[in-house]
PDB file of N, CA and C in Angstrom:
ATOM      1  N   UNK A   1       0.675  -0.771   0.341  1.00  0.00           N
ATOM      2  CA  UNK A   1       0.531   0.188  -0.310  1.00  0.00           C
ATOM      3  C   UNK A   1       0.907   1.102  -0.049  1.00  0.00           C
ATOM      4  N   UNK A   2       2.390   0.867   0.616  1.00  0.00           N
ATOM      5  CA  UNK A   2       3.014   2.059   0.829  1.00  0.00           C
ATOM      6  C   UNK A   2       3.588   2.702  -0.698  1.00  0.00           C
ATOM      7  N   UNK A   3       3.992   1.648  -1.706  1.00  0.00           N
ATOM      8  CA  UNK A   3       4.747   1.063  -2.460  1.00  0.00           C
ATOM      9  C   UNK A   3       3.458   2.594  -3.466  1.00  0.00           C
ATOM     10  N   UNK A   4       2.327   1.985  -3.305  1.00  0.00           N
ATOM     11  CA  UNK A   4       0.687   2.556  -4.353  1.00  0.00           C
ATOM     12  C   UNK A   4       0.937   4.032  -4.511  1.00  0.00           C
ATOM     13  N   UNK A   5       0.686   4.668  -2.840  1.00  0.00           N
ATOM     14  CA  UNK A   5       0.821   5.927  -2.354  1.00  0.00           C
ATOM     15  C   UNK A   5       2.110   6.585  -2.790  1.00  0.00           C
ATOM     16  N   UNK A   6       2.939   6.231  -2.765  1.00  0.00           N
ATOM     17  CA  UNK A   6       4.594   6.537  -3.280  1.00  0.00           C
ATOM     18  C   UNK A   6       3.825   7.362  -5.228  1.00  0.00           C
ATOM     19  N   UNK A   7       3.797   5.976  -5.686  1.00  0.00           N
ATOM     20  CA  UNK A   7       3.671   6.243  -6.856  1.00  0.00           C
ATOM     21  C   UNK A   7       2.498   6.448  -7.238  1.00  0.00           C
ATOM     22  N   UNK A   8       1.123   6.657  -6.145  1.00  0.00           N
ATOM     23  CA  UNK A   8       0.383   8.044  -7.137  1.00  0.00           C
ATOM     24  C   UNK A   8       0.943   9.145  -6.357  1.00  0.00           C
ATOM     25  N   UNK A   9       1.376   9.713  -5.699  1.00  0.00           N
ATOM     26  CA  UNK A   9       1.891  11.315  -5.477  1.00  0.00           C
ATOM     27  C   UNK A   9       2.824  11.743  -6.674  1.00  0.00           C
ATOM     28  N   UNK A  10       3.263  10.885  -7.770  1.00  0.00           N
ATOM     29  CA  UNK A  10       4.205  11.510  -8.887  1.00  0.00           C
ATOM     30  C   UNK A  10       5.355  11.917  -8.435  1.00  0.00           C
ATOM     31  N   UNK A  11       5.376  11.479  -6.654  1.00  0.00           N
ATOM     32  CA  UNK A  11       6.968  11.796  -6.538  1.00  0.00           C
ATOM     33  C   UNK A  11       8.110  11.651  -6.804  1.00  0.00           C
ATOM     34  N   UNK A  12       7.574   9.827  -8.068  1.00  0.00           N
ATOM     35  CA  UNK A  12       9.237   9.001  -8.655  1.00  0.00           C
ATOM     36  C   UNK A  12       8.945   9.976 -10.387  1.00  0.00           C
ATOM     37  N   UNK A  13       7.585  10.097 -10.829  1.00  0.00           N
ATOM     38  CA  UNK A  13       7.737  10.044 -12.707  1.00  0.00           C
ATOM     39  C   UNK A  13       7.039  11.001 -12.768  1.00  0.00           C
ATOM     40  N   UNK A  14       7.167  12.827 -12.036  1.00  0.00           N
ATOM     41  CA  UNK A  14       6.735  14.130 -12.363  1.00  0.00           C
ATOM     42  C   UNK A  14       7.804  14.398 -12.584  1.00  0.00           C
ATOM     43  N   UNK A  15       8.571  15.677 -13.303  1.00  0.00           N
ATOM     44  CA  UNK A  15       9.243  16.807 -12.486  1.00  0.00           C
ATOM     45  C   UNK A  15       9.826  17.376 -11.373  1.00  0.00           C
ATOM     46  N   UNK A  16       9.874  17.602 -11.482  1.00  0.00           N
ATOM     47  CA  UNK A  16       9.073  19.042 -10.381  1.00  0.00           C
ATOM     48  C   UNK A  16      10.296  20.671  -9.888  1.00  0.00           C
ATOM     49  N   UNK A  17       9.521  20.786 -10.104  1.00  0.00           N
ATOM     50  CA  UNK A  17      10.222  22.416 -11.331  1.00  0.00           C
ATOM     51  C   UNK A  17       9.776  24.032 -10.123  1.00  0.00           C
ATOM     52  N   UNK A  18       8.333  23.539 -10.252  1.00  0.00           N
ATOM     53  CA  UNK A  18       8.045  24.540  -9.233  1.00  0.00           C
ATOM     54  C   UNK A  18       7.667  24.562  -8.312  1.00  0.00           C
ATOM     55  N   UNK A  19       8.002  24.683  -6.792  1.00  0.00           N
ATOM     56  CA  UNK A  19       7.843  24.311  -5.465  1.00  0.00           C
ATOM     57  C   UNK A  19       6.050  23.721  -5.038  1.00  0.00           C
ATOM     58  N   UNK A  20       5.493  24.917  -5.373  1.00  0.00           N
ATOM     59  CA  UNK A  20       3.834  26.041  -5.623  1.00  0.00           C
ATOM     60  C   UNK A  20       3.264  24.662  -6.060  1.00  0.00           C
ATOM     61  N   UNK A  21       3.541  23.179  -6.889  1.00  0.00           N
ATOM     62  CA  UNK A  21       3.404  22.679  -7.421  1.00  0.00           C
ATOM     63  C   UNK A  21       2.615  21.064  -6.718  1.00  0.00           C
ATOM     64  N   UNK A  22       3.710  21.501  -5.895  1.00  0.00           N
ATOM     65  CA  UNK A  22       3.737  20.376  -4.343  1.00  0.00           C
ATOM     66  C   UNK A  22       2.955  20.666  -3.108  1.00  0.00           C
ATOM     67  N   UNK A  23       3.065  19.796  -2.743  1.00  0.00           N
ATOM     68  CA  UNK A  23       2.358  19.293  -1.508  1.00  0.00           C
ATOM     69  C   UNK A  23       3.297  18.573   0.310  1.00  0.00           C
ATOM     70  N   UNK A  24       2.486  18.956   1.352  1.00  0.00           N
ATOM     71  CA  UNK A  24       3.497  17.704   2.317  1.00  0.00           C
ATOM     72  C   UNK A  24       2.463  17.175   2.715  1.00  0.00           C
ATOM     73  N   UNK A  25       2.276  15.918   3.458  1.00  0.00           N
ATOM     74  CA  UNK A  25       1.561  15.450   4.359  1.00  0.00           C
ATOM     75  C   UNK A  25       2.296  14.497   5.327  1.00  0.00           C
ATOM     76  N   UNK A  26       1.033  13.824   5.917  1.00  0.00           N
ATOM     77  CA  UNK A  26       2.583  13.198   6.939  1.00  0.00           C
ATOM     78  C   UNK A  26       1.640  11.564   6.799  1.00  0.00           C
ATOM     79  N   UNK A  27       2.324  10.823   7.224  1.00  0.00           N
ATOM     80  CA  UNK A  27       1.863   9.201   6.195  1.00  0.00           C
ATOM     81  C   UNK A  27       2.397   7.981   7.786  1.00  0.00           C
ATOM     82  N   UNK A  28       1.442   7.380   8.079  1.00  0.00           N
ATOM     83  CA  UNK A  28       2.106   5.841   9.012  1.00  0.00           C
ATOM     84  C   UNK A  28       1.851   7.031  10.495  1.00  0.00           C
ATOM     85  N   UNK A  29       1.305   5.535  11.231  1.00  0.00           N
ATOM     86  CA  UNK A  29       1.000   6.198  12.813  1.00  0.00           C
ATOM     87  C   UNK A  29       2.575   4.846  13.535  1.00  0.00           C
ATOM     88  N   UNK A  30       3.613   6.348  14.133  1.00  0.00           N
ATOM     89  CA  UNK A  30       4.206   5.724  15.623  1.00  0.00           C
ATOM     90  C   UNK A  30       2.978   4.917  16.177  1.00  0.00           C
ATOM     91  N   UNK A  31       3.465   3.428  17.156  1.00  0.00           N
ATOM     92  CA  UNK A  31       3.316   2.965  18.546  1.00  0.00           C
ATOM     93  C   UNK A  31       2.802   4.134  19.232  1.00  0.00           C
ATOM     94  N   UNK A  32       3.704   5.352  19.370  1.00  0.00           N
ATOM     95  CA  UNK A  32       3.602   6.329  20.445  1.00  0.00           C
ATOM     96  C   UNK A  32       2.446   7.311  20.208  1.00  0.00           C
ATOM     97  N   UNK A  33       2.175   7.417  19.240  1.00  0.00           N
ATOM     98  CA  UNK A  33       1.689   8.336  18.325  1.00  0.00           C
ATOM     99  C   UNK A  33       1.880   9.278  17.034  1.00  0.00           C
ATOM    100  N   UNK A  34       1.162   9.812  16.971  1.00  0.00           N
ATOM    101  CA  UNK A  34       1.958  10.711  15.621  1.00  0.00           C
ATOM    102  C   UNK A  34       2.512  10.487  14.225  1.00  0.00           C
ATOM    103  N   UNK A  35       2.674  10.534  13.037  1.00  0.00           N
ATOM    104  CA  UNK A  35       3.079  10.124  12.049  1.00  0.00           C
ATOM    105  C   UNK A  35       5.191   9.481  12.316  1.00  0.00           C
ATOM    106  N   UNK A  36       5.001   8.379  11.201  1.00  0.00           N
ATOM    107  CA  UNK A  36       6.107   8.386  11.179  1.00  0.00           C
ATOM    108  C   UNK A  36       7.588   8.678  10.420  1.00  0.00           C
ATOM    109  N   UNK A  37       6.241   9.936   9.206  1.00  0.00           N
ATOM    110  CA  UNK A  37       7.066  10.244   8.031  1.00  0.00           C
ATOM    111  C   UNK A  37       6.779  11.323   7.561  1.00  0.00           C
ATOM    112  N   UNK A  38       7.264  11.735   6.696  1.00  0.00           N
ATOM    113  CA  UNK A  38       6.334  12.756   4.957  1.00  0.00           C
ATOM    114  C   UNK A  38       6.588  12.831   4.052  1.00  0.00           C
ATOM    115  N   UNK A  39       5.508  13.039   3.078  1.00  0.00           N
ATOM    116  CA  UNK A  39       5.746  12.895   1.765  1.00  0.00           C
ATOM    117  C   UNK A  39       4.916  14.322   0.795  1.00  0.00           C
ATOM    118  N   UNK A  40       6.858  14.493   0.146  1.00  0.00           N
ATOM    119  CA  UNK A  40       5.612  14.756  -0.932  1.00  0.00           C
ATOM    120  C   UNK A  40       4.840  14.683  -1.517  1.00  0.00           C
ATOM    121  N   UNK A  41       3.631  15.269  -2.239  1.00  0.00           N
ATOM    122  CA  UNK A  41       2.395  15.446  -3.694  1.00  0.00           C
ATOM    123  C   UNK A  41       2.831  16.641  -4.171  1.00  0.00           C
ATOM    124  N   UNK A  42       2.523  15.807  -5.675  1.00  0.00           N
ATOM    125  CA  UNK A  42       1.557  17.259  -6.043  1.00  0.00           C
ATOM    126  C   UNK A  42       0.921  17.100  -6.018  1.00  0.00           C
ATOM    127  N   UNK A  43      -0.228  18.555  -6.771  1.00  0.00           N
ATOM    128  CA  UNK A  43      -0.591  19.565  -6.633  1.00  0.00           C
ATOM    129  C   UNK A  43      -2.009  18.394  -7.314  1.00  0.00           C
ATOM    130  N   UNK A  44      -1.339  18.104  -8.890  1.00  0.00           N
ATOM    131  CA  UNK A  44      -2.012  17.486  -9.507  1.00  0.00           C
ATOM    132  C   UNK A  44      -2.556  16.233  -9.500  1.00  0.00           C
ATOM    133  N   UNK A  45      -2.236  15.483  -8.433  1.00  0.00           N
ATOM    134  CA  UNK A  45      -3.689  14.078  -8.218  1.00  0.00           C
ATOM    135  C   UNK A  45      -4.751  15.064  -8.065  1.00  0.00           C
ATOM    136  N   UNK A  46      -5.639  14.052  -8.013  1.00  0.00           N
ATOM    137  CA  UNK A  46      -6.655  14.163  -7.390  1.00  0.00           C
ATOM    138  C   UNK A  46      -6.539  14.043  -5.601  1.00  0.00           C
ATOM    139  N   UNK A  47      -6.347  15.292  -4.938  1.00  0.00           N
ATOM    140  CA  UNK A  47      -5.778  15.247  -3.595  1.00  0.00           C
ATOM    141  C   UNK A  47      -7.274  14.370  -2.481  1.00  0.00           C
ATOM    142  N   UNK A  48      -8.395  14.738  -3.295  1.00  0.00           N
ATOM    143  CA  UNK A  48      -8.654  14.572  -1.673  1.00  0.00           C
ATOM    144  C   UNK A  48      -8.735  12.298  -1.607  1.00  0.00           C
ATOM    145  N   UNK A  49      -8.862  12.591  -2.831  1.00  0.00           N
ATOM    146  CA  UNK A  49      -8.741  10.497  -2.964  1.00  0.00           C
ATOM    147  C   UNK A  49      -7.357   9.813  -2.940  1.00  0.00           C
ATOM    148  N   UNK A  50      -6.993  11.195  -2.776  1.00  0.00           N
ATOM    149  CA  UNK A  50      -4.674  10.484  -2.004  1.00  0.00           C
ATOM    150  C   UNK A  50      -4.854  10.614  -1.012  1.00  0.00           C
ATOM    151  N   UNK A  51      -5.437  11.886  -0.411  1.00  0.00           N
ATOM    152  CA  UNK A  51      -5.284  12.159   1.146  1.00  0.00           C
ATOM    153  C   UNK A  51      -6.052  10.344   1.712  1.00  0.00           C
ATOM    154  N   UNK A  52      -7.595  10.170   0.919  1.00  0.00           N
ATOM    155  CA  UNK A  52      -8.223   9.116   1.347  1.00  0.00           C
ATOM    156  C   UNK A  52      -7.236   7.800   2.155  1.00  0.00           C
ATOM    157  N   UNK A  53      -6.839   7.844   0.976  1.00  0.00           N
ATOM    158  CA  UNK A  53      -5.609   6.340   1.001  1.00  0.00           C
ATOM    159  C   UNK A  53      -4.189   6.527   1.271  1.00  0.00           C
ATOM    160  N   UNK A  54      -3.764   7.878   2.175  1.00  0.00           N
ATOM    161  CA  UNK A  54      -2.982   8.077   2.975  1.00  0.00           C
ATOM    162  C   UNK A  54      -3.477   7.451   4.218  1.00  0.00           C
ATOM    163  N   UNK A  55      -4.431   8.226   5.042  1.00  0.00           N
ATOM    164  CA  UNK A  55      -5.596   7.660   5.918  1.00  0.00           C
ATOM    165  C   UNK A  55      -5.571   5.940   5.832  1.00  0.00           C
ATOM    166  N   UNK A  56      -6.034   5.808   5.084  1.00  0.00           N
ATOM    167  CA  UNK A  56      -6.120   4.412   5.177  1.00  0.00           C
ATOM    168  C   UNK A  56      -5.091   3.638   5.454  1.00  0.00           C
ATOM    169  N   UNK A  57      -3.803   4.068   4.412  1.00  0.00           N
ATOM    170  CA  UNK A  57      -2.362   3.610   5.443  1.00  0.00           C
ATOM    171  C   UNK A  57      -2.144   3.849   6.690  1.00  0.00           C
ATOM    172  N   UNK A  58      -2.193   4.600   7.246  1.00  0.00           N
ATOM    173  CA  UNK A  58      -1.888   4.922   8.603  1.00  0.00           C
ATOM    174  C   UNK A  58      -3.070   4.700   9.915  1.00  0.00           C
ATOM    175  N   UNK A  59      -3.521   4.509   9.256  1.00  0.00           N
ATOM    176  CA  UNK A  59      -5.068   3.617   9.924  1.00  0.00           C
ATOM    177  C   UNK A  59      -5.292   2.305  10.011  1.00  0.00           C
ATOM    178  N   UNK A  60      -4.028   2.344   9.241  1.00  0.00           N
ATOM    179  CA  UNK A  60      -3.864   0.121   8.856  1.00  0.00           C
ATOM    180  C   UNK A  60      -3.144   0.334   8.996  1.00  0.00           C
ATOM    181  N   UNK A  61      -2.317   0.952  10.057  1.00  0.00           N
ATOM    182  CA  UNK A  61      -0.427   1.091  10.458  1.00  0.00           C
ATOM    183  C   UNK A  61      -1.162   1.077  11.781  1.00  0.00           C
ATOM    184  N   UNK A  62      -1.675   2.046  12.952  1.00  0.00           N
ATOM    185  CA  UNK A  62      -2.975   1.746  14.038  1.00  0.00           C
ATOM    186  C   UNK A  62      -2.850   0.962  14.538  1.00  0.00           C
ATOM    187  N   UNK A  63      -3.954   0.333  13.118  1.00  0.00           N
ATOM    188  CA  UNK A  63      -4.023  -0.901  13.905  1.00  0.00           C
ATOM    189  C   UNK A  63      -3.336  -2.388  13.963  1.00  0.00           C
ATOM    190  N   UNK A  64      -2.578  -2.577  13.118  1.00  0.00           N
ATOM    191  CA  UNK A  64      -1.574  -3.333  12.363  1.00  0.00           C
ATOM    192  C   UNK A  64      -0.159  -3.468  14.455  1.00  0.00           C
ATOM    193  N   UNK A  65       0.313  -2.252  14.408  1.00  0.00           N
ATOM    194  CA  UNK A  65       0.744  -2.003  15.822  1.00  0.00           C
ATOM    195  C   UNK A  65      -0.341  -1.556  16.922  1.00  0.00           C
ATOM    196  N   UNK A  66      -1.158  -2.667  17.554  1.00  0.00           N
ATOM    197  CA  UNK A  66      -2.225  -2.312  18.535  1.00  0.00           C
ATOM    198  C   UNK A  66      -2.081  -3.720  18.235  1.00  0.00           C
ATOM    199  N   UNK A  67      -2.855  -3.959  17.315  1.00  0.00           N
ATOM    200  CA  UNK A  67      -2.638  -6.184  17.690  1.00  0.00           C
ATOM    201  C   UNK A  67      -0.884  -6.717  17.451  1.00  0.00           C
ATOM    202  N   UNK A  68      -0.074  -6.055  17.248  1.00  0.00           N
ATOM    203  CA  UNK A  68       0.878  -6.961  17.726  1.00  0.00           C
ATOM    204  C   UNK A  68       1.992  -6.471  18.850  1.00  0.00           C
ATOM    205  N   UNK A  69       1.477  -5.198  19.339  1.00  0.00           N
ATOM    206  CA  UNK A  69       1.375  -4.342  19.975  1.00  0.00           C
ATOM    207  C   UNK A  69       3.271  -4.664  19.894  1.00  0.00           C
ATOM    208  N   UNK A  70       3.249  -3.404  18.967  1.00  0.00           N
ATOM    209  CA  UNK A  70       4.003  -2.064  18.027  1.00  0.00           C
ATOM    210  C   UNK A  70       5.318  -1.375  18.888  1.00  0.00           C
ATOM    211  N   UNK A  71       6.136  -1.317  19.702  1.00  0.00           N
ATOM    212  CA  UNK A  71       6.425  -0.375  19.887  1.00  0.00           C
ATOM    213  C   UNK A  71       7.471   0.588  19.064  1.00  0.00           C
ATOM    214  N   UNK A  72       7.889   1.516  20.068  1.00  0.00           N
ATOM    215  CA  UNK A  72       8.653   2.637  18.807  1.00  0.00           C
ATOM    216  C   UNK A  72       8.965   3.818  20.073  1.00  0.00           C
ATOM    217  N   UNK A  73      10.353   4.550  19.122  1.00  0.00           N
ATOM    218  CA  UNK A  73      10.419   5.868  20.347  1.00  0.00           C
ATOM    219  C   UNK A  73       9.781   6.618  19.834  1.00  0.00           C
ATOM    220  N   UNK A  74       9.294   7.224  21.249  1.00  0.00           N
ATOM    221  CA  UNK A  74       8.319   8.904  20.707  1.00  0.00           C
ATOM    222  C   UNK A  74       8.746   9.041  20.742  1.00  0.00           C
ATOM    223  N   UNK A  75       9.683  10.172  20.148  1.00  0.00           N
ATOM    224  CA  UNK A  75       9.714  11.755  19.871  1.00  0.00           C
ATOM    225  C   UNK A  75       9.251  11.982  18.427  1.00  0.00           C
ATOM    226  N   UNK A  76       8.584  13.152  18.912  1.00  0.00           N
ATOM    227  CA  UNK A  76       7.970  13.798  17.781  1.00  0.00           C
ATOM    228  C   UNK A  76       8.361  14.193  16.098  1.00  0.00           C
ATOM    229  N   UNK A  77       8.413  13.679  15.238  1.00  0.00           N
ATOM    230  CA  UNK A  77       9.203  14.663  14.170  1.00  0.00           C
ATOM    231  C   UNK A  77       8.250  15.459  13.606  1.00  0.00           C
ATOM    232  N   UNK A  78       9.455  16.546  13.470  1.00  0.00           N
ATOM    233  CA  UNK A  78       9.045  17.691  13.266  1.00  0.00           C
ATOM    234  C   UNK A  78       8.484  18.105  11.010  1.00  0.00           C
ATOM    235  N   UNK A  79       7.300  19.089  11.115  1.00  0.00           N
ATOM    236  CA  UNK A  79       7.192  18.036   9.877  1.00  0.00           C
ATOM    237  C   UNK A  79       8.141  19.484   8.962  1.00  0.00           C
ATOM    238  N   UNK A  80       7.581  18.862   7.980  1.00  0.00           N
ATOM    239  CA  UNK A  80       8.682  19.561   7.253  1.00  0.00           C
ATOM    240  C   UNK A  80       8.368  20.956   6.976  1.00  0.00           C
ATOM    241  N   UNK A  81       8.992  21.898   5.976  1.00  0.00           N
ATOM    242  CA  UNK A  81       9.017  22.922   6.687  1.00  0.00           C
ATOM    243  C   UNK A  81       8.079  23.807   5.069  1.00  0.00           C
ATOM    244  N   UNK A  82       8.993  23.387   4.123  1.00  0.00           N
ATOM    245  CA  UNK A  82       8.313  23.260   2.990  1.00  0.00           C
ATOM    246  C   UNK A  82       8.901  21.978   1.604  1.00  0.00           C
ATOM    247  N   UNK A  83       8.768  22.073  -0.027  1.00  0.00           N
ATOM    248  CA  UNK A  83       9.239  21.887  -0.446  1.00  0.00           C
ATOM    249  C   UNK A  83       9.894  22.199  -1.715  1.00  0.00           C
ATOM    250  N   UNK A  84      11.582  22.000  -2.152  1.00  0.00           N
ATOM    251  CA  UNK A  84      11.994  22.432  -3.180  1.00  0.00           C
ATOM    252  C   UNK A  84      12.332  21.697  -3.795  1.00  0.00           C
ATOM    253  N   UNK A  85      12.070  22.032  -5.009  1.00  0.00           N
ATOM    254  CA  UNK A  85      12.870  21.430  -6.552  1.00  0.00           C
ATOM    255  C   UNK A  85      14.311  21.074  -6.313  1.00  0.00           C
ATOM    256  N   UNK A  86      15.452  19.432  -6.461  1.00  0.00           N
ATOM    257  CA  UNK A  86      16.398  19.879  -6.176  1.00  0.00           C
ATOM    258  C   UNK A  86      16.445  19.043  -7.368  1.00  0.00           C
ATOM    259  N   UNK A  87      17.101  18.904  -7.974  1.00  0.00           N
ATOM    260  CA  UNK A  87      17.459  18.607  -9.739  1.00  0.00           C
ATOM    261  C   UNK A  87      16.457  17.643 -10.026  1.00  0.00           C
ATOM    262  N   UNK A  88      15.372  17.790 -10.397  1.00  0.00           N
ATOM    263  CA  UNK A  88      14.196  17.948 -10.617  1.00  0.00           C
ATOM    264  C   UNK A  88      13.065  17.162  -9.283  1.00  0.00           C
ATOM    265  N   UNK A  89      13.533  16.629  -8.548  1.00  0.00           N
ATOM    266  CA  UNK A  89      12.987  16.204  -7.164  1.00  0.00           C
ATOM    267  C   UNK A  89      12.458  16.798  -6.333  1.00  0.00           C
ATOM    268  N   UNK A  90      11.302  16.340  -6.341  1.00  0.00           N
ATOM    269  CA  UNK A  90      10.395  17.267  -4.574  1.00  0.00           C
ATOM    270  C   UNK A  90      11.541  16.537  -3.562  1.00  0.00           C
ATOM    271  N   UNK A  91      12.375  18.092  -3.208  1.00  0.00           N
ATOM    272  CA  UNK A  91      13.344  17.307  -1.653  1.00  0.00           C
ATOM    273  C   UNK A  91      11.914  18.601  -0.236  1.00  0.00           C
ATOM    274  N   UNK A  92      12.034  16.686   0.281  1.00  0.00           N
ATOM    275  CA  UNK A  92      11.341  17.741   1.723  1.00  0.00           C
ATOM    276  C   UNK A  92      12.871  18.534   2.710  1.00  0.00           C
ATOM    277  N   UNK A  93      11.974  20.259   3.280  1.00  0.00           N
ATOM    278  CA  UNK A  93      13.074  21.036   3.668  1.00  0.00           C
ATOM    279  C   UNK A  93      12.286  20.804   5.530  1.00  0.00           C
ATOM    280  N   UNK A  94      13.320  21.339   6.131  1.00  0.00           N
ATOM    281  CA  UNK A  94      13.043  21.505   7.795  1.00  0.00           C
ATOM    282  C   UNK A  94      14.576  22.130   8.170  1.00  0.00           C
ATOM    283  N   UNK A  95      12.845  23.304   9.276  1.00  0.00           N
ATOM    284  CA  UNK A  95      13.686  24.081   9.666  1.00  0.00           C
ATOM    285  C   UNK A  95      14.564  24.111  11.096  1.00  0.00           C
ATOM    286  N   UNK A  96      15.936  24.550  10.403  1.00  0.00           N
ATOM    287  CA  UNK A  96      16.879  23.646  11.251  1.00  0.00           C
ATOM    288  C   UNK A  96      17.304  24.212  12.744  1.00  0.00           C
ATOM    289  N   UNK A  97      16.003  25.113  12.967  1.00  0.00           N
ATOM    290  CA  UNK A  97      16.689  26.416  14.049  1.00  0.00           C
ATOM    291  C   UNK A  97      15.486  25.043  14.444  1.00  0.00           C
ATOM    292  N   UNK A  98      15.028  23.798  14.564  1.00  0.00           N
ATOM    293  CA  UNK A  98      13.859  22.717  15.130  1.00  0.00           C
ATOM    294  C   UNK A  98      14.545  22.474  15.848  1.00  0.00           C
ATOM    295  N   UNK A  99      16.639  21.485  16.011  1.00  0.00           N
ATOM    296  CA  UNK A  99      16.783  20.900  15.780  1.00  0.00           C
ATOM    297  C   UNK A  99      17.721  21.398  17.047  1.00  0.00           C
TER     298      UNK A  99
END
């Protein structure tokens, strides 16, 4: 399901030339709460459908974690500040003042 989401995001198939054409969403569920990471996605996707699929994945991971009593570190991941286009690919950038 994760690979399907990455394919649907167009991150590997659409050239990034303008960062305004990209957005960011959290994905996955840490056992302690919060997301496991963030991904960039093209604003050209069907956004409601795409975000529903991300939510389904995140919810499924939360159920899996609970069922199998998965544990992990509990640090909160700071969200990316923006998306930049680097060598034609979208790249998440972070506010280094937070670290």
